[in-house]
Amino acid sequence: MYILGSPVFDRARFTTGRGRTFTVRAIGNSPSNVYITSATLNGKPLHRAWITHDEVIRGGELVLHMSATPNQSWGAAALPPSLTPT
């Protein structure tokens, strides 16, 4: 599990252990735009502030939209499984 936070890069690309490529792009990233206001994973809206290792190793693209103002509803709906009460 990977918790999403403010990136220090605009784009990163790497090859997974399965030989696929995973790319992370931060749109509007700057020293003042430190908040993720929305995200997509492989073109589909991502409403949670985490992704799984399986999602990464399958390859694809994570796009983070950055802003100077937080979107307090983004990422607030779904806790990571490790933090979900049993």
C-alpha atoms as a PDB file:
ATOM      1  CA  MET A   1       0.000   0.000   0.000  1.00  0.00           C
ATOM      2  CA  TYR A   2       1.225   3.467  -0.914  1.00  0.00           C
ATOM      3  CA  ILE A   3      -0.211   6.609   0.680  1.00  0.00           C
ATOM      4  CA  LEU A   4      -0.340   9.531  -1.761  1.00  0.00           C
ATOM      5  CA  GLY A   5       1.186  12.813  -0.690  1.00  0.00           C
ATOM      6  CA  SER A   6       2.575  15.977  -2.190  1.00  0.00           C
ATOM      7  CA  PRO A   7       5.163  14.999  -4.824  1.00  0.00           C
ATOM      8  CA  VAL A   8       8.511  16.728  -5.251  1.00  0.00           C
ATOM      9  CA  PHE A   9       8.530  15.943  -8.975  1.00  0.00           C
ATOM     10  CA  ASP A  10       6.354  16.695 -11.981  1.00  0.00           C
ATOM     11  CA  ARG A  11       6.763  13.270 -13.553  1.00  0.00           C
ATOM     12  CA  ALA A  12       8.323   9.938 -12.692  1.00  0.00           C
ATOM     13  CA  ARG A  13       8.359   6.762 -14.755  1.00  0.00           C
ATOM     14  CA  PHE A  14       9.705   3.337 -13.864  1.00  0.00           C
ATOM     15  CA  THR A  15       9.513  -0.245 -15.002  1.00  0.00           C
ATOM     16  CA  THR A  16       7.793  -2.627 -12.615  1.00  0.00           C
ATOM     17  CA  GLY A  17       9.038  -6.092 -11.720  1.00  0.00           C
ATOM     18  CA  ARG A  18       6.622  -7.450 -14.307  1.00  0.00           C
ATOM     19  CA  GLY A  19       8.245  -5.460 -17.105  1.00  0.00           C
ATOM     20  CA  ARG A  20       5.420  -2.930 -17.330  1.00  0.00           C
ATOM     21  CA  THR A  21       5.759   0.825 -17.010  1.00  0.00           C
ATOM     22  CA  PHE A  22       4.153   2.908 -14.268  1.00  0.00           C
ATOM     23  CA  THR A  23       4.081   6.694 -14.604  1.00  0.00           C
ATOM     24  CA  VAL A  24       3.166   9.313 -12.015  1.00  0.00           C
ATOM     25  CA  ARG A  25       2.392  12.831 -13.259  1.00  0.00           C
ATOM     26  CA  ALA A  26       1.683  15.860 -11.065  1.00  0.00           C
ATOM     27  CA  ILE A  27      -0.319  18.461 -12.994  1.00  0.00           C
ATOM     28  CA  GLY A  28       0.129  22.004 -11.693  1.00  0.00           C
ATOM     29  CA  ASN A  29       2.863  20.945  -9.284  1.00  0.00           C
ATOM     30  CA  SER A  30       4.794  23.850  -7.732  1.00  0.00           C
ATOM     31  CA  PRO A  31       6.167  24.902  -4.342  1.00  0.00           C
ATOM     32  CA  SER A  32       2.829  26.604  -3.591  1.00  0.00           C
ATOM     33  CA  ASN A  33       0.566  23.878  -5.033  1.00  0.00           C
ATOM     34  CA  VAL A  34       1.102  21.251  -2.366  1.00  0.00           C
ATOM     35  CA  TYR A  35      -2.395  19.735  -2.198  1.00  0.00           C
ATOM     36  CA  ILE A  36      -3.744  16.891  -4.316  1.00  0.00           C
ATOM     37  CA  THR A  37      -7.227  18.000  -5.312  1.00  0.00           C
ATOM     38  CA  SER A  38      -8.086  15.053  -7.566  1.00  0.00           C
ATOM     39  CA  ALA A  39      -6.437  12.056  -9.159  1.00  0.00           C
ATOM     40  CA  THR A  40      -6.931   9.480 -11.872  1.00  0.00           C
ATOM     41  CA  LEU A  41      -5.518   5.988 -12.166  1.00  0.00           C
ATOM     42  CA  ASN A  42      -5.381   4.714 -15.733  1.00  0.00           C
ATOM     43  CA  GLY A  43      -7.851   7.373 -16.806  1.00  0.00           C
ATOM     44  CA  LYS A  44     -10.454   6.590 -14.134  1.00  0.00           C
ATOM     45  CA  PRO A  45     -11.166   8.879 -11.169  1.00  0.00           C
ATOM     46  CA  LEU A  46      -9.351   7.848  -8.001  1.00  0.00           C
ATOM     47  CA  HIS A  47     -11.240   9.020  -4.918  1.00  0.00           C
ATOM     48  CA  ARG A  48      -8.866   7.564  -2.332  1.00  0.00           C
ATOM     49  CA  ALA A  49      -5.501   8.848  -1.163  1.00  0.00           C
ATOM     50  CA  TRP A  50      -3.754   5.492  -1.554  1.00  0.00           C
ATOM     51  CA  ILE A  51      -2.989   2.835  -4.143  1.00  0.00           C
ATOM     52  CA  THR A  52      -2.023  -0.790  -3.768  1.00  0.00           C
ATOM     53  CA  HIS A  53       1.221  -2.421  -4.812  1.00  0.00           C
ATOM     54  CA  ASP A  54      -0.779  -4.629  -7.212  1.00  0.00           C
ATOM     55  CA  GLU A  55      -2.121  -1.512  -8.955  1.00  0.00           C
ATOM     56  CA  VAL A  56       1.443  -0.229  -9.398  1.00  0.00           C
ATOM     57  CA  ILE A  57       2.980  -3.455 -10.698  1.00  0.00           C
ATOM     58  CA  ARG A  58       0.199  -3.862 -13.285  1.00  0.00           C
ATOM     59  CA  GLY A  59       1.544  -0.682 -14.871  1.00  0.00           C
ATOM     60  CA  GLY A  60      -0.306   2.379 -16.031  1.00  0.00           C
ATOM     61  CA  GLU A  61      -0.499   6.020 -15.098  1.00  0.00           C
ATOM     62  CA  LEU A  62      -1.373   7.890 -11.925  1.00  0.00           C
ATOM     63  CA  VAL A  63      -2.182  11.572 -12.518  1.00  0.00           C
ATOM     64  CA  LEU A  64      -2.324  13.922  -9.539  1.00  0.00           C
ATOM     65  CA  HIS A  65      -3.912  17.358  -9.926  1.00  0.00           C
ATOM     66  CA  MET A  66      -2.244  19.826  -7.587  1.00  0.00           C
ATOM     67  CA  SER A  67      -3.524  23.092  -6.070  1.00  0.00           C
ATOM     68  CA  ALA A  68      -2.648  25.664  -3.415  1.00  0.00           C
ATOM     69  CA  THR A  69      -6.045  25.048  -1.829  1.00  0.00           C
ATOM     70  CA  PRO A  70      -6.982  21.673  -0.343  1.00  0.00           C
ATOM     71  CA  ASN A  71     -10.014  19.740  -1.558  1.00  0.00           C
ATOM     72  CA  GLN A  72     -11.102  18.337   1.786  1.00  0.00           C
ATOM     73  CA  SER A  73     -13.469  15.831   0.200  1.00  0.00           C
ATOM     74  CA  TRP A  74     -10.823  14.180  -1.997  1.00  0.00           C
ATOM     75  CA  GLY A  75      -9.352  11.100  -0.398  1.00  0.00           C
ATOM     76  CA  ALA A  76     -11.549  11.342   2.670  1.00  0.00           C
ATOM     77  CA  ALA A  77     -14.088   8.633   1.814  1.00  0.00           C
ATOM     78  CA  ALA A  78     -11.988   5.465   1.828  1.00  0.00           C
ATOM     79  CA  LEU A  79      -9.430   4.484   4.436  1.00  0.00           C
ATOM     80  CA  PRO A  80      -6.627   2.109   3.471  1.00  0.00           C
ATOM     81  CA  PRO A  81      -7.445  -1.485   4.437  1.00  0.00           C
ATOM     82  CA  SER A  82      -4.771  -1.406   7.138  1.00  0.00           C
ATOM     83  CA  LEU A  83      -6.611   1.491   8.842  1.00  0.00           C
ATOM     84  CA  THR A  84     -10.159   0.196   8.378  1.00  0.00           C
ATOM     85  CA  PRO A  85     -11.735  -0.823  11.701  1.00  0.00           C
ATOM     86  CA  THR A  86     -12.516  -4.536  11.983  1.00  0.00           C
END
